[in-house]
């Protein structure tokens, strides 16, 4: 398992962060909070239902910054962004909670989920079962497992914990080897193909199209990174890919929800309820 240098740094810091959190809040206390979080909103079910109708199933991301781009959005209000996404037609939300590399926060997830009725994925680097319980305690409906960050045993363990606490799992792959590992190890219906090369940071939409024939029809393919215009969306749709995770294109727009609608639902026109578009 070859881990890119940037990811190595993130994972090393994440291990330190998890250790500090364990020392602050015990696992037993965290489990009580997770139980009190209530019923999941059904992240996978929402995406699958929308994609089956051959309508764009958009996971709209709330992300302030990234290691490669720095601060992406200065005017950053998660609850307002979440409302704008819901008004624009998003199916689900993705919220970055990594602090050190993405300037995320647990509170951003809480704020976004409280502001809408949409299911939410906790976008973070999951390496420990503690984080899975924590995600449910925060109110998340789904967690991300990045194949390049995990060995098969750990990946299976984390997915099992997620299932136990009622969380869906989105598994993310970057190439054929990772896809093979994901399909062999996990039974989650959600397979995300990240079009960004973790070694070079180059984005190529052909990554999704190249892997598509190898993904069983009972899995939902979610294309991630590089969806910037209508031509990108249409390229995916003519290849029967209707599920998208988009962040930067929305975060750089003055009104994220309007940009979402422009990209994915142009037939509805520009007039949507502001619902806190900025």
Protein backbone atom coordinates (compact mmCIF):
# COMPACT_ATOMS: atom_id res chain seq x y z
CA UNK A 1 0.00 0.00 0.00
CA UNK A 2 1.75 3.15 -1.27
CA UNK A 3 0.73 6.21 0.74
CA UNK A 4 1.42 9.66 -0.78
CA UNK A 5 3.59 11.98 1.32
CA UNK A 6 0.86 14.55 2.03
CA UNK A 7 -1.48 11.79 3.15
CA UNK A 8 1.25 10.35 5.38
CA UNK A 9 1.51 13.69 7.18
CA UNK A 10 -2.25 13.93 7.56
CA UNK A 11 -2.53 10.40 8.94
CA UNK A 12 0.32 10.90 11.41
CA UNK A 13 -1.33 14.06 12.73
CA UNK A 14 -4.71 12.32 12.80
CA UNK A 15 -3.33 9.57 15.05
CA UNK A 16 -2.16 12.24 17.51
CA UNK A 17 -5.53 13.98 17.34
CA UNK A 18 -7.48 10.78 18.03
CA UNK A 19 -5.26 9.98 21.02
CA UNK A 20 -5.93 13.44 22.47
CA UNK A 21 -9.66 13.09 21.92
CA UNK A 22 -9.71 9.69 23.63
CA UNK A 23 -8.02 11.28 26.64
CA UNK A 24 -10.65 14.03 26.69
CA UNK A 25 -13.84 11.99 26.17
CA UNK A 26 -13.98 8.30 27.05
CA UNK A 27 -15.30 5.79 24.55
CA UNK A 28 -18.17 4.85 26.88
CA UNK A 29 -19.26 8.49 27.17
CA UNK A 30 -18.98 8.90 23.42
CA UNK A 31 -21.14 5.82 22.85
CA UNK A 32 -23.86 7.36 25.02
CA UNK A 33 -23.77 10.51 22.90
CA UNK A 34 -23.97 8.42 19.73
CA UNK A 35 -27.03 6.59 21.03
CA UNK A 36 -28.67 9.91 21.89
CA UNK A 37 -28.02 11.26 18.38
CA UNK A 38 -31.20 9.65 17.10
CA UNK A 39 -32.02 7.98 13.81
CA UNK A 40 -29.89 8.37 10.70
CA UNK A 41 -31.42 10.22 7.76
CA UNK A 42 -30.38 7.56 5.26
CA UNK A 43 -27.46 8.87 3.22
CA UNK A 44 -27.09 5.91 0.85
CA UNK A 45 -30.84 5.53 0.37
CA UNK A 46 -31.26 9.17 -0.65
CA UNK A 47 -28.50 8.95 -3.27
CA UNK A 48 -29.67 5.63 -4.69
CA UNK A 49 -33.28 6.79 -5.00
CA UNK A 50 -32.27 9.94 -6.88
CA UNK A 51 -29.82 8.17 -9.19
CA UNK A 52 -32.38 5.49 -10.04
CA UNK A 53 -34.56 8.25 -11.44
CA UNK A 54 -31.58 9.26 -13.61
CA UNK A 55 -31.51 12.60 -11.84
CA UNK A 56 -28.32 14.16 -10.46
CA UNK A 57 -27.65 12.93 -6.93
CA UNK A 58 -25.38 15.69 -5.65
CA UNK A 59 -23.32 15.49 -2.47
CA UNK A 60 -22.58 19.18 -1.93
CA UNK A 61 -19.46 19.83 0.09
CA UNK A 62 -18.88 22.42 2.80
CA UNK A 63 -15.14 23.02 2.80
CA UNK A 64 -13.26 26.13 3.88
CA UNK A 65 -9.72 25.15 2.82
CA UNK A 66 -7.48 22.38 1.51
CA UNK A 67 -3.74 21.59 1.75
CA UNK A 68 -3.20 22.18 -1.97
CA UNK A 69 -5.37 25.29 -2.44
CA UNK A 70 -5.23 27.03 0.95
CA UNK A 71 -8.36 28.96 1.96
CA UNK A 72 -11.06 28.41 -0.66
CA UNK A 73 -13.86 30.43 0.92
CA UNK A 74 -13.36 33.37 3.26
CA UNK A 75 -17.07 34.10 3.75
CA UNK A 76 -17.71 30.77 5.46
CA UNK A 77 -20.99 30.14 7.30
CA UNK A 78 -21.82 26.40 7.26
CA UNK A 79 -25.50 26.70 8.18
CA UNK A 80 -26.16 29.27 5.46
CA UNK A 81 -24.20 27.29 2.89
CA UNK A 82 -26.16 24.16 3.83
CA UNK A 83 -29.47 25.98 3.38
CA UNK A 84 -28.39 27.25 -0.02
CA UNK A 85 -27.40 23.76 -1.10
CA UNK A 86 -30.76 22.36 -0.04
CA UNK A 87 -32.56 25.12 -1.95
CA UNK A 88 -30.38 24.42 -4.98
CA UNK A 89 -31.30 20.75 -5.14
CA UNK A 90 -28.56 18.88 -3.26
CA UNK A 91 -29.36 15.31 -2.22
CA UNK A 92 -26.80 15.15 0.60
CA UNK A 93 -24.16 17.26 2.32
CA UNK A 94 -20.47 16.62 2.93
CA UNK A 95 -18.79 18.51 5.75
CA UNK A 96 -15.03 18.64 6.36
CA UNK A 97 -14.18 18.20 10.03
CA UNK A 98 -10.39 17.90 9.77
CA UNK A 99 -8.91 20.85 11.65
CA UNK A 100 -5.23 21.04 10.78
CA UNK A 101 -5.25 20.57 7.02
CA UNK A 102 -8.75 21.64 5.92
CA UNK A 103 -9.66 24.19 8.62
CA UNK A 104 -12.74 22.13 9.38
CA UNK A 105 -14.55 21.63 12.68
CA UNK A 106 -17.00 19.28 14.35
CA UNK A 107 -19.31 22.22 14.92
CA UNK A 108 -19.52 22.84 11.17
CA UNK A 109 -21.14 19.44 10.76
CA UNK A 110 -23.57 20.08 13.60
CA UNK A 111 -24.50 23.48 12.18
CA UNK A 112 -25.02 22.19 8.64
CA UNK A 113 -27.16 19.26 9.70
CA UNK A 114 -29.29 21.37 12.03
CA UNK A 115 -29.97 23.87 9.24
CA UNK A 116 -31.40 21.34 6.75
CA UNK A 117 -33.20 18.02 6.44
CA UNK A 118 -30.44 16.53 4.26
CA UNK A 119 -28.28 13.52 5.20
CA UNK A 120 -24.67 14.42 6.00
CA UNK A 121 -21.33 12.65 5.57
CA UNK A 122 -18.48 13.42 7.93
CA UNK A 123 -15.55 14.07 5.59
CA UNK A 124 -12.41 13.25 7.52
CA UNK A 125 -9.56 10.76 7.63
CA UNK A 126 -10.96 7.77 9.48
CA UNK A 127 -8.31 5.55 11.04
CA UNK A 128 -9.81 4.50 14.38
CA UNK A 129 -13.18 3.09 15.56
CA UNK A 130 -13.35 6.00 18.03
CA UNK A 131 -13.85 8.40 15.12
CA UNK A 132 -16.76 6.34 13.79
CA UNK A 133 -18.61 6.52 17.12
CA UNK A 134 -17.72 10.21 17.26
CA UNK A 135 -19.22 10.77 13.80
CA UNK A 136 -22.57 9.36 14.92
CA UNK A 137 -22.41 11.41 18.13
CA UNK A 138 -21.96 14.53 15.99
CA UNK A 139 -25.06 13.61 13.99
CA UNK A 140 -23.40 12.28 10.84
CA UNK A 141 -25.35 9.83 8.67
CA UNK A 142 -22.36 8.47 6.75
CA UNK A 143 -18.57 8.25 7.01
CA UNK A 144 -15.80 8.20 4.42
CA UNK A 145 -13.24 5.40 4.20
CA UNK A 146 -10.25 6.24 1.99
CA UNK A 147 -8.70 3.04 0.67
CA UNK A 148 -5.25 4.60 0.20
CA UNK A 149 -5.18 5.44 3.92
CA UNK A 150 -6.13 1.99 5.26
CA UNK A 151 -5.13 -1.64 5.05
CA UNK A 152 -7.86 -4.18 4.37
CA UNK A 153 -8.18 -5.35 7.97
CA UNK A 154 -8.61 -1.82 9.32
CA UNK A 155 -10.99 -0.92 6.49
CA UNK A 156 -13.23 -3.89 7.33
CA UNK A 157 -13.10 -3.09 11.06
CA UNK A 158 -14.15 0.52 10.56
CA UNK A 159 -16.96 -0.45 8.20
CA UNK A 160 -18.24 -2.97 10.75
CA UNK A 161 -18.30 -0.36 13.50
CA UNK A 162 -20.12 2.05 11.19
CA UNK A 163 -22.78 -0.56 10.47
CA UNK A 164 -23.20 -1.25 14.19
CA UNK A 165 -23.97 2.41 14.94
CA UNK A 166 -26.22 2.95 11.92
CA UNK A 167 -23.84 4.85 9.65
CA UNK A 168 -23.58 4.37 5.90
CA UNK A 169 -20.11 4.07 4.36
CA UNK A 170 -18.73 5.79 1.28
CA UNK A 171 -15.53 4.07 0.19
CA UNK A 172 -13.15 6.20 -1.88
CA UNK A 173 -10.77 4.83 -4.50
CA UNK A 174 -8.28 6.44 -6.88
CA UNK A 175 -7.23 3.57 -9.16
CA UNK A 176 -7.88 -0.02 -10.16
CA UNK A 177 -5.87 -1.60 -7.36
CA UNK A 178 -7.76 0.37 -4.72
CA UNK A 179 -11.06 -0.48 -6.39
CA UNK A 180 -10.24 -4.19 -6.28
CA UNK A 181 -9.43 -3.95 -2.58
CA UNK A 182 -12.61 -2.01 -1.83
CA UNK A 183 -14.88 -4.43 -3.67
CA UNK A 184 -13.21 -7.42 -2.03
CA UNK A 185 -13.30 -6.00 1.49
CA UNK A 186 -16.52 -4.00 1.77
CA UNK A 187 -20.15 -4.53 0.79
CA UNK A 188 -21.17 -0.86 0.94
CA UNK A 189 -23.21 0.19 -2.10
CA UNK A 190 -21.42 3.58 -2.27
CA UNK A 191 -18.19 3.62 -4.29
CA UNK A 192 -16.59 7.01 -4.77
CA UNK A 193 -14.01 7.43 -7.52
CA UNK A 194 -11.74 10.38 -6.83
CA UNK A 195 -10.49 11.83 -10.09
CA UNK A 196 -7.60 13.59 -8.33
CA UNK A 197 -4.25 11.80 -8.34
CA UNK A 198 -2.99 11.93 -4.75
CA UNK A 199 0.64 11.92 -5.89
CA UNK A 200 0.45 14.68 -8.51
CA UNK A 201 -2.86 16.40 -7.55
CA UNK A 202 -3.79 16.35 -11.25
CA UNK A 203 -7.48 15.80 -12.00
CA UNK A 204 -8.68 13.57 -14.83
CA UNK A 205 -12.36 12.66 -15.25
CA UNK A 206 -11.29 9.63 -17.28
CA UNK A 207 -10.41 8.00 -13.95
CA UNK A 208 -14.12 7.46 -13.26
CA UNK A 209 -14.87 6.35 -16.81
CA UNK A 210 -11.93 3.92 -16.88
CA UNK A 211 -12.98 2.22 -13.63
CA UNK A 212 -16.70 2.20 -14.41
CA UNK A 213 -16.81 -1.16 -16.27
CA UNK A 214 -15.15 -2.86 -13.28
CA UNK A 215 -17.75 -1.71 -10.75
CA UNK A 216 -20.72 -4.07 -10.26
CA UNK A 217 -24.14 -2.70 -11.19
CA UNK A 218 -25.38 -3.14 -7.62
CA UNK A 219 -22.93 -0.47 -6.45
CA UNK A 220 -23.57 3.25 -6.87
CA UNK A 221 -20.67 5.07 -8.52
CA UNK A 222 -20.03 8.57 -7.19
CA UNK A 223 -17.60 10.69 -9.19
CA UNK A 224 -15.49 13.01 -7.04
CA UNK A 225 -13.30 16.02 -7.96
CA UNK A 226 -13.09 17.89 -11.24
CA UNK A 227 -16.76 18.51 -11.99
CA UNK A 228 -16.58 22.16 -13.02
CA UNK A 229 -19.08 22.76 -15.83
CA UNK A 230 -22.13 21.39 -17.65
CA UNK A 231 -19.95 19.47 -20.11
CA UNK A 232 -18.40 17.54 -17.20
CA UNK A 233 -21.84 16.69 -15.83
CA UNK A 234 -23.15 15.61 -19.24
CA UNK A 235 -20.06 13.45 -19.85
CA UNK A 236 -20.86 11.50 -16.70
CA UNK A 237 -24.59 11.27 -17.35
CA UNK A 238 -24.17 9.81 -20.85
CA UNK A 239 -22.08 7.12 -19.16
CA UNK A 240 -24.85 6.45 -16.61
CA UNK A 241 -23.08 8.14 -13.71
CA UNK A 242 -25.62 10.28 -11.88
CA UNK A 243 -23.98 10.71 -8.47
CA UNK A 244 -21.50 13.51 -7.82
CA UNK A 245 -19.47 14.89 -4.94
CA UNK A 246 -18.63 18.53 -5.62
CA UNK A 247 -16.97 21.05 -3.34
CA UNK A 248 -14.54 23.58 -4.74
CA UNK A 249 -16.70 24.67 -7.69
CA UNK A 250 -19.48 25.58 -5.25
CA UNK A 251 -17.25 27.04 -2.55
CA UNK A 252 -15.67 29.51 -4.98
CA UNK A 253 -19.07 30.74 -6.18
CA UNK A 254 -20.64 33.80 -4.58
CA UNK A 255 -23.87 31.84 -4.09
CA UNK A 256 -23.11 28.11 -3.73
CA UNK A 257 -26.71 26.94 -4.11
CA UNK A 258 -27.22 28.93 -7.29
CA UNK A 259 -24.02 27.44 -8.72
CA UNK A 260 -25.24 23.95 -7.80
CA UNK A 261 -28.46 24.54 -9.66
CA UNK A 262 -26.66 26.06 -12.65
CA UNK A 263 -24.43 23.00 -12.96
CA UNK A 264 -26.96 20.26 -12.32
CA UNK A 265 -30.48 21.62 -12.76
CA UNK A 266 -30.25 24.42 -15.36
CA UNK A 267 -33.79 23.72 -16.57
CA UNK A 268 -35.14 25.11 -13.30
CA UNK A 269 -33.78 28.55 -14.12
CA UNK A 270 -31.86 30.96 -11.96
CA UNK A 271 -34.71 31.85 -9.61
CA UNK A 272 -34.55 29.76 -6.46
CA UNK A 273 -35.31 30.66 -2.89
CA UNK A 274 -32.29 32.27 -1.37
CA UNK A 275 -32.68 30.28 1.85
CA UNK A 276 -29.43 31.84 3.00
CA UNK A 277 -27.42 31.64 -0.19
CA UNK A 278 -24.42 33.34 1.27
